[in-house]
């Protein structure tokens, strides 16, 4: 079992996993800017529905933010975005609404515009 599989299994055993708390647009923008400082090239994955997938992505140095009833996952650019979007979607039972790569916070915030309202 790979690292992501182990993290998913560990998270599934944790019955106290709560929904990701929704973040205000300014909080989302600050989180994206902070993530960009640590990881200049990053991926954004928007999952339909709000669920805390932090346990599934903790070992990946990734972040999950609740955004307008959905979950925004920020992944380091070195990871395979398509693979992780598929695995997260299947494991969390949430459909992937949108995914893209970015190299600046402004690009990510502009691209996510409709999801931040």
N, C-alpha and C. Protein backbone atom coordinates (compact mmCIF):
# COMPACT_ATOMS: atom_id res chain seq x y z
N UNK A 1 0.85 -1.17 0.00
CA UNK A 1 0.00 0.00 0.00
C UNK A 1 0.90 1.23 0.00
N UNK A 2 0.61 2.17 -0.93
CA UNK A 2 1.41 3.38 -1.03
C UNK A 2 1.08 4.38 0.07
N UNK A 3 1.83 5.48 0.08
CA UNK A 3 1.63 6.51 1.10
C UNK A 3 0.23 7.08 1.08
N UNK A 4 -0.28 7.38 -0.12
CA UNK A 4 -1.63 7.94 -0.19
C UNK A 4 -2.65 6.93 0.30
N UNK A 5 -2.47 5.66 -0.05
CA UNK A 5 -3.38 4.62 0.41
C UNK A 5 -3.37 4.49 1.92
N UNK A 6 -2.18 4.56 2.52
CA UNK A 6 -2.08 4.48 3.98
C UNK A 6 -2.75 5.67 4.65
N UNK A 7 -2.54 6.85 4.09
CA UNK A 7 -3.16 8.04 4.66
C UNK A 7 -4.68 7.96 4.54
N UNK A 8 -5.16 7.44 3.43
CA UNK A 8 -6.60 7.30 3.23
C UNK A 8 -7.17 6.29 4.21
N UNK A 9 -6.49 5.16 4.38
CA UNK A 9 -6.96 4.14 5.31
C UNK A 9 -6.99 4.68 6.73
N UNK A 10 -5.96 5.42 7.10
CA UNK A 10 -5.89 6.00 8.44
C UNK A 10 -7.03 6.99 8.64
N UNK A 11 -7.32 7.79 7.61
CA UNK A 11 -8.39 8.77 7.71
C UNK A 11 -9.75 8.09 7.79
N UNK A 12 -9.93 7.00 7.06
CA UNK A 12 -11.21 6.29 7.09
C UNK A 12 -11.48 5.69 8.46
N UNK A 13 -10.45 5.36 9.21
CA UNK A 13 -10.63 4.82 10.55
C UNK A 13 -11.00 5.90 11.55
N UNK A 14 -10.70 7.14 11.22
CA UNK A 14 -10.97 8.25 12.13
C UNK A 14 -12.42 8.69 11.97
N UNK A 15 -13.28 8.25 12.87
CA UNK A 15 -14.71 8.54 12.78
C UNK A 15 -15.03 9.98 13.10
N UNK A 16 -14.08 10.70 13.63
CA UNK A 16 -14.35 12.09 14.00
C UNK A 16 -14.04 13.08 12.89
N UNK A 17 -13.80 12.60 11.69
CA UNK A 17 -13.47 13.50 10.59
C UNK A 17 -14.67 14.39 10.30
N UNK A 18 -14.49 15.69 10.47
CA UNK A 18 -15.57 16.64 10.26
C UNK A 18 -15.42 17.29 8.90
N UNK A 19 -16.46 17.97 8.48
CA UNK A 19 -16.41 18.69 7.21
C UNK A 19 -15.42 19.85 7.32
N UNK A 20 -14.79 20.15 6.20
CA UNK A 20 -13.86 21.27 6.18
C UNK A 20 -14.65 22.55 6.42
N UNK A 21 -14.17 23.37 7.31
CA UNK A 21 -14.85 24.62 7.61
C UNK A 21 -14.75 25.57 6.42
N UNK A 22 -15.84 26.24 6.08
CA UNK A 22 -15.78 27.16 4.94
C UNK A 22 -14.88 28.35 5.27
N UNK A 23 -14.17 28.80 4.27
CA UNK A 23 -13.26 29.93 4.46
C UNK A 23 -13.78 31.13 3.67
N UNK A 24 -13.59 32.31 4.22
CA UNK A 24 -13.96 33.53 3.52
C UNK A 24 -13.01 33.71 2.34
N UNK A 25 -13.47 34.40 1.27
CA UNK A 25 -12.60 34.58 0.10
C UNK A 25 -11.23 35.17 0.45
N UNK A 26 -11.17 36.10 1.39
CA UNK A 26 -9.87 36.67 1.75
C UNK A 26 -9.00 35.64 2.45
N UNK A 27 -9.61 34.74 3.22
CA UNK A 27 -8.85 33.67 3.86
C UNK A 27 -8.31 32.70 2.81
N UNK A 28 -9.12 32.42 1.80
CA UNK A 28 -8.69 31.53 0.71
C UNK A 28 -7.53 32.16 -0.04
N UNK A 29 -7.64 33.44 -0.32
CA UNK A 29 -6.57 34.13 -1.03
C UNK A 29 -5.28 34.12 -0.21
N UNK A 30 -5.40 34.33 1.09
CA UNK A 30 -4.22 34.30 1.97
C UNK A 30 -3.62 32.90 2.01
N UNK A 31 -4.47 31.87 2.07
CA UNK A 31 -3.99 30.48 2.09
C UNK A 31 -3.27 30.14 0.79
N UNK A 32 -3.80 30.59 -0.33
CA UNK A 32 -3.16 30.33 -1.63
C UNK A 32 -1.82 31.05 -1.69
N UNK A 33 -1.77 32.30 -1.25
CA UNK A 33 -0.51 33.06 -1.26
C UNK A 33 0.53 32.40 -0.36
N UNK A 34 0.09 31.94 0.81
CA UNK A 34 1.01 31.27 1.74
C UNK A 34 1.52 29.96 1.14
N UNK A 35 0.62 29.20 0.51
CA UNK A 35 1.01 27.93 -0.11
C UNK A 35 2.00 28.20 -1.25
N UNK A 36 1.77 29.25 -2.02
CA UNK A 36 2.67 29.60 -3.12
C UNK A 36 4.06 29.96 -2.61
N UNK A 37 4.16 30.62 -1.46
CA UNK A 37 5.47 30.95 -0.90
C UNK A 37 6.28 29.68 -0.62
N UNK A 38 5.60 28.62 -0.18
CA UNK A 38 6.29 27.36 0.11
C UNK A 38 6.48 26.52 -1.15
N UNK A 39 5.55 26.63 -2.11
CA UNK A 39 5.55 25.80 -3.31
C UNK A 39 5.24 26.68 -4.52
N UNK A 40 6.25 27.21 -5.20
CA UNK A 40 6.01 28.14 -6.31
C UNK A 40 5.14 27.60 -7.44
N UNK A 41 5.26 26.33 -7.76
CA UNK A 41 4.38 25.71 -8.75
C UNK A 41 3.46 24.76 -7.99
N UNK A 42 2.15 24.93 -8.15
CA UNK A 42 1.21 24.10 -7.38
C UNK A 42 -0.01 23.77 -8.22
N UNK A 43 -0.78 22.78 -7.75
CA UNK A 43 -2.00 22.34 -8.40
C UNK A 43 -3.18 22.70 -7.51
N UNK A 44 -4.30 23.01 -8.15
CA UNK A 44 -5.56 23.26 -7.45
C UNK A 44 -6.59 22.25 -7.93
N UNK A 45 -7.27 21.62 -6.99
CA UNK A 45 -8.32 20.67 -7.31
C UNK A 45 -9.55 21.08 -6.52
N UNK A 46 -10.67 21.29 -7.20
CA UNK A 46 -11.93 21.63 -6.55
C UNK A 46 -12.80 20.38 -6.58
N UNK A 47 -13.19 19.92 -5.39
CA UNK A 47 -14.05 18.75 -5.25
C UNK A 47 -15.45 19.20 -4.86
N UNK A 48 -16.48 18.60 -5.47
CA UNK A 48 -17.87 18.96 -5.16
C UNK A 48 -18.23 18.47 -3.76
N UNK A 49 -18.67 19.37 -2.93
CA UNK A 49 -19.04 19.02 -1.56
C UNK A 49 -17.92 19.37 -0.60
N UNK A 50 -18.30 19.45 0.64
CA UNK A 50 -17.32 19.83 1.65
C UNK A 50 -17.01 18.63 2.54
N UNK A 51 -15.78 18.23 2.51
CA UNK A 51 -15.31 17.14 3.36
C UNK A 51 -13.85 17.41 3.70
N UNK A 52 -13.48 17.13 4.92
CA UNK A 52 -12.10 17.34 5.34
C UNK A 52 -11.25 16.17 4.85
N UNK A 53 -10.45 16.42 3.83
CA UNK A 53 -9.56 15.38 3.29
C UNK A 53 -8.13 15.61 3.78
N UNK A 54 -7.98 16.45 4.80
CA UNK A 54 -6.65 16.78 5.31
C UNK A 54 -5.87 15.55 5.73
N UNK A 55 -6.53 14.57 6.33
CA UNK A 55 -5.86 13.35 6.74
C UNK A 55 -5.31 12.56 5.56
N UNK A 56 -5.98 12.68 4.42
CA UNK A 56 -5.56 11.96 3.22
C UNK A 56 -4.36 12.60 2.55
N UNK A 57 -4.18 13.89 2.76
CA UNK A 57 -3.13 14.63 2.05
C UNK A 57 -2.04 15.16 2.95
N UNK A 58 -2.11 14.87 4.23
CA UNK A 58 -1.17 15.44 5.21
C UNK A 58 0.29 15.14 4.88
N UNK A 59 0.57 13.93 4.48
CA UNK A 59 1.97 13.56 4.21
C UNK A 59 2.49 14.14 2.90
N UNK A 60 1.62 14.79 2.13
CA UNK A 60 2.01 15.33 0.83
C UNK A 60 2.35 16.81 0.88
N UNK A 61 2.30 17.42 2.06
CA UNK A 61 2.49 18.86 2.23
C UNK A 61 1.45 19.61 1.40
N UNK A 62 0.21 19.12 1.44
CA UNK A 62 -0.90 19.72 0.72
C UNK A 62 -1.87 20.36 1.72
N UNK A 63 -2.82 21.14 1.19
CA UNK A 63 -3.76 21.88 2.03
C UNK A 63 -5.17 21.69 1.49
N UNK A 64 -6.15 21.58 2.40
CA UNK A 64 -7.56 21.51 2.02
C UNK A 64 -8.29 22.69 2.65
N UNK A 65 -9.09 23.40 1.84
CA UNK A 65 -9.82 24.57 2.30
C UNK A 65 -11.27 24.42 1.86
N UNK A 66 -12.21 24.69 2.75
CA UNK A 66 -13.62 24.70 2.40
C UNK A 66 -13.95 25.99 1.68
N UNK A 67 -14.53 25.87 0.46
CA UNK A 67 -14.82 27.05 -0.36
C UNK A 67 -16.23 26.92 -0.95
N UNK A 68 -17.14 27.80 -0.54
CA UNK A 68 -18.49 27.86 -1.10
C UNK A 68 -19.15 26.49 -1.24
N UNK A 69 -19.11 25.71 -0.20
CA UNK A 69 -19.76 24.39 -0.23
C UNK A 69 -18.94 23.32 -0.92
N UNK A 70 -17.74 23.65 -1.34
CA UNK A 70 -16.85 22.70 -2.01
C UNK A 70 -15.53 22.62 -1.26
N UNK A 71 -14.68 21.70 -1.68
CA UNK A 71 -13.36 21.54 -1.07
C UNK A 71 -12.29 21.90 -2.09
N UNK A 72 -11.40 22.80 -1.72
CA UNK A 72 -10.27 23.18 -2.56
C UNK A 72 -9.03 22.53 -1.99
N UNK A 73 -8.35 21.74 -2.81
CA UNK A 73 -7.11 21.07 -2.40
C UNK A 73 -5.96 21.70 -3.17
N UNK A 74 -4.94 22.12 -2.44
CA UNK A 74 -3.72 22.66 -3.03
C UNK A 74 -2.62 21.63 -2.87
N UNK A 75 -2.03 21.21 -3.99
CA UNK A 75 -0.98 20.19 -4.00
C UNK A 75 0.32 20.78 -4.55
N UNK A 76 1.46 20.31 -4.06
CA UNK A 76 2.74 20.73 -4.65
C UNK A 76 2.80 20.33 -6.13
N UNK A 77 3.45 21.15 -6.93
CA UNK A 77 3.53 20.93 -8.37
C UNK A 77 4.28 19.69 -8.79
N UNK A 78 5.11 19.13 -7.92
CA UNK A 78 5.88 17.93 -8.27
C UNK A 78 5.01 16.67 -8.32
N UNK A 79 3.80 16.75 -7.77
CA UNK A 79 2.92 15.58 -7.73
C UNK A 79 2.09 15.49 -9.01
N UNK A 80 1.62 14.29 -9.31
CA UNK A 80 0.79 14.04 -10.48
C UNK A 80 -0.65 14.47 -10.16
N UNK A 81 -1.05 15.61 -10.69
CA UNK A 81 -2.36 16.19 -10.39
C UNK A 81 -3.51 15.27 -10.77
N UNK A 82 -3.47 14.69 -11.94
CA UNK A 82 -4.54 13.81 -12.41
C UNK A 82 -4.71 12.60 -11.50
N UNK A 83 -3.61 11.99 -11.12
CA UNK A 83 -3.66 10.82 -10.25
C UNK A 83 -4.25 11.17 -8.89
N UNK A 84 -3.77 12.25 -8.29
CA UNK A 84 -4.26 12.61 -6.96
C UNK A 84 -5.71 13.08 -7.01
N UNK A 85 -6.10 13.77 -8.07
CA UNK A 85 -7.51 14.18 -8.20
C UNK A 85 -8.40 12.95 -8.26
N UNK A 86 -7.99 11.96 -9.03
CA UNK A 86 -8.77 10.72 -9.14
C UNK A 86 -8.84 9.99 -7.80
N UNK A 87 -7.69 9.83 -7.15
CA UNK A 87 -7.66 9.10 -5.86
C UNK A 87 -8.47 9.81 -4.79
N UNK A 88 -8.33 11.13 -4.69
CA UNK A 88 -9.10 11.89 -3.71
C UNK A 88 -10.59 11.80 -3.99
N UNK A 89 -10.94 11.92 -5.25
CA UNK A 89 -12.35 11.83 -5.64
C UNK A 89 -12.94 10.48 -5.25
N UNK A 90 -12.24 9.42 -5.57
CA UNK A 90 -12.74 8.08 -5.28
C UNK A 90 -12.77 7.81 -3.77
N UNK A 91 -11.75 8.22 -3.07
CA UNK A 91 -11.66 7.94 -1.63
C UNK A 91 -12.65 8.77 -0.82
N UNK A 92 -12.84 10.02 -1.20
CA UNK A 92 -13.73 10.90 -0.45
C UNK A 92 -15.17 10.82 -0.94
N UNK A 93 -15.37 10.21 -2.11
CA UNK A 93 -16.71 10.13 -2.67
C UNK A 93 -17.21 11.48 -3.17
N UNK A 94 -16.29 12.34 -3.60
CA UNK A 94 -16.63 13.67 -4.10
C UNK A 94 -16.16 13.80 -5.55
N UNK A 95 -17.01 14.36 -6.39
CA UNK A 95 -16.66 14.54 -7.80
C UNK A 95 -15.66 15.69 -7.96
N UNK A 96 -14.76 15.54 -8.90
CA UNK A 96 -13.82 16.61 -9.24
C UNK A 96 -14.55 17.59 -10.15
N UNK A 97 -14.68 18.83 -9.69
CA UNK A 97 -15.33 19.87 -10.49
C UNK A 97 -14.36 20.54 -11.44
N UNK A 98 -13.14 20.75 -10.96
CA UNK A 98 -12.20 21.56 -11.71
C UNK A 98 -10.80 21.30 -11.18
N UNK A 99 -9.82 21.33 -12.05
CA UNK A 99 -8.43 21.20 -11.61
C UNK A 99 -7.52 21.92 -12.60
N UNK A 100 -6.44 22.47 -12.07
CA UNK A 100 -5.49 23.19 -12.91
C UNK A 100 -4.19 23.37 -12.14
N UNK A 101 -3.17 23.79 -12.86
CA UNK A 101 -1.87 24.10 -12.26
C UNK A 101 -1.66 25.59 -12.32
N UNK A 102 -0.92 26.13 -11.36
CA UNK A 102 -0.66 27.57 -11.32
C UNK A 102 0.76 27.82 -10.81
N UNK A 103 1.29 28.96 -11.20
CA UNK A 103 2.62 29.34 -10.71
C UNK A 103 2.60 30.71 -10.03
N UNK A 104 1.37 31.21 -9.76
CA UNK A 104 1.24 32.47 -9.02
C UNK A 104 -0.10 32.48 -8.30
N UNK A 105 -0.15 33.14 -7.15
CA UNK A 105 -1.42 33.23 -6.42
C UNK A 105 -2.49 33.97 -7.22
N UNK A 106 -2.09 35.02 -7.93
CA UNK A 106 -3.08 35.80 -8.69
C UNK A 106 -3.72 34.97 -9.79
N UNK A 107 -2.94 34.13 -10.47
CA UNK A 107 -3.49 33.24 -11.49
C UNK A 107 -4.48 32.26 -10.88
N UNK A 108 -4.12 31.68 -9.75
CA UNK A 108 -5.00 30.71 -9.08
C UNK A 108 -6.29 31.38 -8.62
N UNK A 109 -6.19 32.56 -8.01
CA UNK A 109 -7.37 33.26 -7.51
C UNK A 109 -8.28 33.69 -8.66
N UNK A 110 -7.68 34.16 -9.74
CA UNK A 110 -8.47 34.55 -10.91
C UNK A 110 -9.18 33.33 -11.51
N UNK A 111 -8.48 32.22 -11.63
CA UNK A 111 -9.06 31.01 -12.21
C UNK A 111 -10.15 30.44 -11.32
N UNK A 112 -10.00 30.57 -10.02
CA UNK A 112 -10.98 30.07 -9.06
C UNK A 112 -12.12 31.06 -8.80
N UNK A 113 -12.11 32.17 -9.47
CA UNK A 113 -13.06 33.25 -9.21
C UNK A 113 -14.49 32.83 -8.97
N UNK A 114 -15.06 32.01 -9.83
CA UNK A 114 -16.46 31.61 -9.67
C UNK A 114 -16.68 30.73 -8.44
N UNK A 115 -15.66 30.03 -8.00
CA UNK A 115 -15.79 29.16 -6.82
C UNK A 115 -15.59 29.93 -5.52
N UNK A 116 -15.04 31.14 -5.59
CA UNK A 116 -14.77 31.92 -4.39
C UNK A 116 -15.94 32.83 -4.01
N UNK A 117 -16.96 32.88 -4.81
CA UNK A 117 -18.12 33.73 -4.51
C UNK A 117 -19.08 33.05 -3.59
